[in-house]
Protein backbone atom coordinates (compact mmCIF):
# COMPACT_ATOMS: atom_id res chain seq x y z
CA MET A 1 -54.99 -9.92 -145.91
CA LYS A 2 -56.26 -12.69 -143.61
CA LYS A 3 -53.34 -14.88 -144.55
CA ILE A 4 -50.85 -12.13 -143.65
CA ILE A 5 -52.47 -11.73 -140.25
CA ASN A 6 -52.41 -15.38 -139.54
CA SER A 7 -48.80 -15.67 -140.57
CA THR A 8 -47.85 -12.88 -138.24
CA ALA A 9 -49.69 -14.36 -135.41
CA LEU A 10 -47.89 -17.66 -136.03
CA LEU A 11 -44.47 -16.06 -135.86
CA LEU A 12 -45.29 -14.30 -132.62
CA ALA A 13 -46.48 -17.54 -131.12
CA LEU A 14 -43.26 -19.34 -132.14
CA PHE A 15 -41.10 -16.52 -130.80
CA ALA A 16 -42.88 -16.56 -127.45
CA SER A 17 -42.52 -20.36 -127.36
CA CYS A 18 -38.78 -20.08 -127.92
CA THR A 19 -38.34 -17.38 -125.32
CA SER A 20 -40.25 -19.38 -122.82
CA LYS A 21 -38.14 -22.40 -123.47
CA LYS A 22 -34.92 -20.51 -123.14
CA GLU A 23 -36.06 -19.00 -119.84
CA GLU A 24 -36.93 -22.47 -118.62
CA LYS A 25 -33.55 -23.75 -119.55
CA ALA A 26 -31.59 -20.80 -117.96
CA PRO A 27 -30.26 -22.03 -114.61
CA ASN A 28 -31.06 -20.03 -111.51
CA LYS A 29 -27.86 -18.81 -109.81
CA SER A 30 -27.74 -18.04 -106.08
CA ASN A 31 -26.39 -14.70 -104.83
CA GLN A 32 -23.34 -16.62 -103.51
CA GLU A 33 -22.60 -18.00 -106.94
CA ILE A 34 -22.94 -14.65 -108.50
CA LEU A 35 -20.48 -13.11 -106.05
CA GLU A 36 -18.09 -15.94 -106.57
CA ALA A 37 -18.13 -15.32 -110.29
CA VAL A 38 -17.06 -11.69 -109.79
CA SER A 39 -13.42 -11.20 -110.93
CA GLU A 40 -13.03 -7.41 -110.20
CA VAL A 41 -14.36 -4.77 -107.87
CA HIS A 42 -14.79 -1.11 -108.51
CA ALA A 43 -14.04 1.48 -105.81
CA ILE A 44 -13.97 5.24 -105.63
CA GLY A 45 -10.82 6.93 -104.24
CA LYS A 46 -8.58 9.84 -104.29
CA ILE A 47 -4.86 10.62 -104.72
CA THR A 48 -3.22 11.67 -101.48
CA SER A 49 0.19 11.77 -99.83
CA ALA A 50 1.40 8.54 -98.15
CA GLU A 51 2.23 10.66 -95.12
CA ASP A 52 -0.26 12.95 -93.34
CA TRP A 53 0.17 16.61 -94.36
CA ALA A 54 1.68 19.11 -92.00
CA VAL A 55 -0.45 22.15 -91.09
CA VAL A 56 0.93 25.63 -91.40
CA ALA A 57 -0.53 27.55 -88.39
CA ALA A 58 0.14 30.77 -86.50
CA GLY A 59 1.56 30.35 -82.99
CA ALA A 60 0.20 33.69 -81.87
CA GLN A 61 -2.37 36.30 -82.91
CA GLY A 62 -1.08 39.06 -85.08
CA ILE A 63 -0.96 40.74 -88.48
CA ILE A 64 0.97 39.23 -91.31
CA GLN A 65 3.99 41.43 -91.97
CA LYS A 66 5.94 39.53 -94.58
CA ILE A 67 5.49 36.40 -96.71
CA MET A 68 8.62 34.52 -97.79
CA VAL A 69 7.19 31.79 -99.99
CA GLY A 70 4.32 31.15 -102.35
CA GLU A 71 1.82 28.38 -102.90
CA GLY A 72 3.23 25.41 -104.78
CA GLU A 73 6.83 26.08 -103.73
CA THR A 74 8.98 23.31 -102.15
CA VAL A 75 9.98 24.15 -98.61
CA ARG A 76 12.31 22.57 -96.09
CA ALA A 77 11.69 21.77 -92.42
CA GLY A 78 12.35 24.79 -90.24
CA GLN A 79 12.23 27.29 -93.04
CA THR A 80 10.48 30.52 -92.17
CA LEU A 81 7.29 30.93 -94.31
CA LEU A 82 5.92 34.18 -93.01
CA MET A 83 6.32 36.61 -90.18
CA LEU A 84 3.81 38.48 -87.99
CA GLU A 85 4.21 41.96 -86.57
CA ALA A 86 6.01 41.44 -83.25
CA ASP A 87 7.35 44.81 -82.08
CA ASN A 88 6.60 44.26 -78.40
CA ALA A 89 7.82 40.68 -78.39
CA GLN A 90 11.10 41.85 -79.94
CA LEU A 91 11.46 44.55 -77.33
CA ASP A 92 10.87 41.95 -74.59
CA VAL A 93 13.67 39.82 -76.01
CA ALA A 94 16.05 42.83 -76.13
CA GLN A 95 15.23 43.80 -72.57
CA ALA A 96 15.66 40.32 -71.18
CA GLY A 97 18.96 40.08 -73.05
CA THR A 98 20.22 43.38 -71.63
CA GLN A 99 19.39 42.33 -68.09
CA LEU A 100 21.17 39.10 -68.52
CA ASN A 101 24.28 40.82 -69.85
CA SER A 102 24.18 43.28 -66.87
CA LEU A 103 24.08 40.27 -64.43
CA LYS A 104 27.00 38.66 -66.27
CA ALA A 105 29.09 41.81 -66.00
CA GLU A 106 28.32 42.13 -62.24
CA TYR A 107 29.11 38.44 -61.74
CA ASN A 108 32.48 38.86 -63.43
CA ALA A 109 33.34 41.91 -61.30
CA GLN A 110 32.38 40.04 -58.13
CA GLN A 111 34.44 37.05 -59.23
CA GLN A 112 37.52 39.29 -59.44
CA GLU A 113 36.81 40.77 -56.02
CA LEU A 114 36.53 37.28 -54.64
CA ASN A 115 39.84 36.25 -56.09
CA LYS A 116 41.51 39.29 -54.61
CA ALA A 117 39.92 38.61 -51.20
CA ARG A 118 41.19 34.95 -51.30
CA ILE A 119 44.69 36.09 -52.08
CA LEU A 120 44.65 38.69 -49.23
CA ALA A 121 43.19 36.14 -46.83
CA ALA A 122 45.91 33.64 -47.72
CA GLU A 123 48.58 36.38 -47.14
CA TRP A 124 47.23 37.20 -43.65
CA LYS A 125 47.04 33.49 -42.86
CA LYS A 126 50.79 33.20 -43.48
CA LYS A 127 51.53 36.34 -41.43
CA TYR A 128 49.52 34.95 -38.60
CA GLU A 129 51.30 31.58 -38.79
CA THR A 130 54.62 33.37 -38.83
CA SER A 131 53.70 35.56 -35.80
CA LYS A 132 52.49 32.44 -33.95
CA ALA A 133 55.71 30.60 -34.66
CA LEU A 134 57.79 33.59 -33.43
CA PHE A 135 55.54 33.93 -30.33
CA ASP A 136 56.17 30.21 -29.54
CA LYS A 137 59.87 31.08 -29.58
CA LYS A 138 59.24 34.16 -27.46
CA ALA A 139 60.35 36.37 -30.30
CA GLU A 140 56.98 38.04 -30.92
CA THR A 141 54.35 39.70 -28.70
CA GLU A 142 50.93 38.27 -28.08
CA GLU A 143 49.29 41.53 -29.16
CA LYS A 144 50.92 41.14 -32.63
CA VAL A 145 49.80 37.48 -32.93
CA ASN A 146 46.20 38.48 -31.98
CA ALA A 147 46.16 41.35 -34.32
CA ASP A 148 47.42 39.20 -37.26
CA TYR A 149 44.81 36.50 -36.39
CA SER A 150 41.95 39.03 -36.26
CA THR A 151 42.93 40.50 -39.68
CA TRP A 152 43.16 37.03 -41.17
CA GLN A 153 39.68 36.11 -39.88
CA GLN A 154 38.23 39.39 -41.24
CA ASN A 155 39.51 38.56 -44.65
CA GLU A 156 38.17 35.05 -44.48
CA ALA A 157 34.73 36.50 -43.64
CA SER A 158 35.04 38.81 -46.61
CA VAL A 159 35.72 35.77 -48.83
CA LYS A 160 32.75 33.94 -47.46
CA GLY A 161 30.40 36.97 -48.04
CA LEU A 162 31.66 37.47 -51.58
CA SER A 163 31.19 33.77 -52.26
CA GLN A 164 27.58 33.90 -51.14
CA LYS A 165 26.95 37.00 -53.20
CA LEU A 166 28.49 35.30 -56.21
CA ALA A 167 26.26 32.32 -55.78
CA ALA A 168 23.19 34.57 -55.54
CA LEU A 169 24.23 36.25 -58.75
CA GLN A 170 24.63 32.94 -60.42
CA ALA A 171 21.11 31.96 -59.48
CA LYS A 172 19.78 35.34 -60.81
CA MET A 173 21.63 34.71 -64.09
CA GLN A 174 20.06 31.28 -64.44
CA GLU A 175 16.59 32.76 -63.78
CA GLN A 176 17.22 35.60 -66.23
CA ASN A 177 18.43 33.15 -68.81
CA ILE A 178 15.12 31.20 -68.54
CA GLN A 179 13.27 34.49 -68.87
CA LEU A 180 15.20 35.30 -72.05
CA ARG A 181 14.45 31.91 -73.53
CA LYS A 182 10.73 32.40 -72.67
CA THR A 183 10.61 35.69 -74.48
CA GLN A 184 12.54 34.19 -77.38
CA ASN A 185 9.99 31.44 -77.63
CA VAL A 186 7.18 33.94 -77.56
CA ASN A 187 8.93 35.89 -80.26
CA SER A 188 9.41 32.80 -82.39
CA ASP A 189 5.62 32.38 -82.39
CA TYR A 190 5.47 35.31 -84.66
CA GLN A 191 7.66 33.52 -87.14
CA ILE A 192 5.74 30.80 -88.75
CA LYS A 193 8.03 27.98 -89.94
CA ALA A 194 7.59 24.78 -91.93
CA ALA A 195 7.10 21.81 -89.70
CA ARG A 196 8.35 19.39 -92.31
CA SER A 197 9.81 19.38 -95.92
CA GLY A 198 7.44 19.22 -98.85
CA VAL A 199 5.22 21.28 -101.15
CA LEU A 200 3.24 24.15 -99.73
CA LEU A 201 -0.49 23.94 -100.80
CA ASP A 202 -3.76 25.51 -99.82
CA PHE A 203 -1.78 28.60 -98.80
CA ALA A 204 -4.14 31.52 -98.40
CA ALA A 205 -2.01 34.05 -96.38
CA LYS A 206 -1.90 37.68 -97.40
CA VAL A 207 0.19 40.64 -96.08
CA GLY A 208 -1.93 42.67 -93.66
CA GLN A 209 -4.14 39.82 -92.77
CA MET A 210 -5.03 39.40 -89.13
CA VAL A 211 -4.66 35.77 -87.94
CA THR A 212 -5.44 34.12 -84.69
CA ALA A 213 -3.33 31.61 -82.78
CA ALA A 214 -3.53 28.09 -84.22
CA GLU A 215 -5.36 29.43 -87.32
CA GLU A 216 -4.67 27.11 -90.33
CA LEU A 217 -3.10 28.98 -93.20
CA GLY A 218 -1.93 26.15 -95.43
CA LYS A 219 -0.65 22.59 -95.68
CA ILE A 220 2.59 20.90 -96.58
CA TYR A 221 2.46 17.70 -98.59
CA ASN A 222 5.22 15.19 -99.33
CA LEU A 223 4.49 14.62 -103.04
CA ASP A 224 7.40 12.23 -103.42
CA SER A 225 5.31 9.38 -102.06
CA LEU A 226 1.63 9.27 -103.10
CA ILE A 227 -1.03 6.62 -102.49
CA VAL A 228 -4.72 6.14 -103.28
CA GLN A 229 -7.24 6.11 -100.37
CA ALA A 230 -10.38 4.32 -101.55
CA GLU A 231 -13.58 2.78 -100.28
CA VAL A 232 -14.95 -0.60 -101.22
CA ASP A 233 -18.69 -1.38 -100.91
CA GLU A 234 -19.48 -3.66 -97.99
CA LEU A 235 -20.89 -6.23 -100.34
CA PHE A 236 -17.35 -6.97 -101.55
CA ALA A 237 -15.48 -5.91 -98.39
CA ASN A 238 -14.30 -9.45 -97.61
CA ASP A 239 -13.05 -10.11 -101.16
CA VAL A 240 -10.39 -7.37 -101.10
CA LYS A 241 -7.04 -8.48 -99.77
CA GLN A 242 -3.59 -6.99 -99.50
CA GLY A 243 -1.38 -7.53 -102.51
CA GLN A 244 -4.22 -7.51 -105.12
CA GLN A 245 -3.45 -5.66 -108.33
CA VAL A 246 -5.32 -2.47 -109.05
CA GLN A 247 -5.86 -0.23 -112.14
CA ILE A 248 -6.49 3.34 -111.28
CA PHE A 249 -8.30 5.74 -113.68
CA PRO A 250 -9.16 9.48 -113.45
CA LEU A 251 -12.87 9.64 -112.87
CA GLY A 252 -14.73 9.70 -116.18
CA ARG A 253 -11.72 8.66 -118.34
CA LYS A 254 -10.25 5.34 -119.39
CA ASP A 255 -7.50 6.44 -121.67
CA ILE A 256 -4.84 6.78 -118.98
CA TYR A 257 -4.33 4.83 -115.78
CA LEU A 258 -1.93 3.94 -113.00
CA ASN A 259 -0.96 0.52 -111.78
CA GLY A 260 -1.16 -0.14 -108.10
CA LYS A 261 -1.41 -2.75 -105.34
CA VAL A 262 -3.65 -2.97 -102.28
CA ALA A 263 -1.39 -2.08 -99.40
CA TYR A 264 -3.79 -1.77 -96.54
CA VAL A 265 -7.35 -2.94 -95.73
CA ALA A 266 -9.26 -1.50 -92.73
CA PRO A 267 -10.26 -4.07 -90.14
CA ILE A 268 -13.75 -2.47 -89.81
CA LEU A 269 -16.58 -1.07 -91.93
CA SER A 270 -17.30 2.61 -91.80
CA ASN A 271 -19.78 5.09 -93.24
CA LYS A 272 -19.12 6.51 -96.70
CA SER A 273 -16.95 9.57 -96.66
CA ILE A 274 -16.79 12.76 -98.61
CA LEU A 275 -15.52 10.78 -101.58
CA TYR A 276 -19.21 10.41 -102.35
CA GLU A 277 -20.67 13.75 -103.42
CA THR A 278 -24.43 13.17 -103.50
CA ALA A 279 -26.82 12.19 -100.77
CA ASN A 280 -27.95 8.97 -102.42
CA GLU A 281 -24.37 7.85 -102.74
CA GLY A 282 -23.70 8.07 -99.09
CA GLU A 283 -26.88 6.58 -97.70
CA ASP A 284 -27.24 3.04 -98.98
CA ARG A 285 -24.43 0.89 -97.51
CA ARG A 286 -21.20 1.12 -95.52
CA VAL A 287 -17.72 0.70 -96.93
CA ARG A 288 -14.26 -0.70 -96.17
CA GLN A 289 -11.42 1.73 -96.48
CA ILE A 290 -8.33 0.61 -98.22
CA LYS A 291 -4.92 2.22 -99.24
CA ILE A 292 -3.35 1.48 -102.66
CA SER A 293 0.34 1.97 -103.33
CA ILE A 294 0.99 3.23 -106.80
CA GLU A 295 4.10 2.73 -109.05
CA ASP A 296 4.49 6.14 -110.75
CA SER A 297 2.34 9.15 -109.82
CA LYS A 298 4.07 11.88 -111.75
CA GLY A 299 1.65 14.29 -113.35
CA TRP A 300 -1.21 13.26 -111.10
CA SER A 301 -2.82 15.78 -108.77
CA VAL A 302 -3.25 15.42 -105.02
CA ASN A 303 -6.92 15.03 -104.05
CA ALA A 304 -7.85 14.02 -107.60
CA LYS A 305 -10.92 11.71 -107.56
CA VAL A 306 -10.21 8.31 -109.19
CA GLU A 307 -11.85 5.09 -110.05
CA CYS A 308 -10.17 1.86 -108.88
CA ILE A 309 -10.54 -1.56 -110.48
CA ILE A 310 -9.36 -4.24 -108.06
CA GLN A 311 -8.47 -7.59 -109.53
CA LEU A 312 -9.80 -10.28 -107.23
CA LYS A 313 -8.45 -13.24 -109.30
């Protein structure tokens, strides 16, 4: 029993001696040397559209009357997505249009009267010139010349008055046309249209729902061009450069991935964003925001959280 204990003690002493020697031989590396030895950097990111999304919002307060599209559908720029109840607005448009048409009809009638007055004034001018010529040859009386001149001048005054009335009507038509366009613009606020082409997402509108002006009802994404927005810890912020290769994995999985390339590196550090879900994750250090172009994003969901491995060397 004593020999066994002694043998065990001897083995432990030898093991401690070897461990001590190995620790003495292990070189002490500086922090700089450790960082220089790093060949890849991990970053947290999310899949997003390369272009900012377009917001679907109401231009006026009202009740949703009709919905033309559903969430997930592809829409084109200018397409009507839904309509609000706009009875009064439609009546205002109809009233403004009727008033404009009435002014146009009056303008056309006055234009015809002016044309007639001009013809009549031209005829009396010729009569006066004829009477004057005959009077100069002593073949016409002075009374007849004066009467023809007076009638001619009366017709010229009528032409001038009708011209002024026509100009006033034209100004009223222009003013009424502006009023019609204003009512049409107000009415168009009750028709919510797509600001751009893309896929309609986060669409929560329902028939009968009351909405306020500028209330967000959904977003339109361009899913033909996706990128990854990611954040690199400030410890490795200066090591990430444009053009570096990146492997992108769904968070928690390593069996599928995307290939990408660093396309943009922010010039400044910023606080961690909502990519980090817990309080501890967002408190320790700042980050450098980057954008990663990806080769083929088919089958990947927008806003999916991903892990990025950036190859430094």
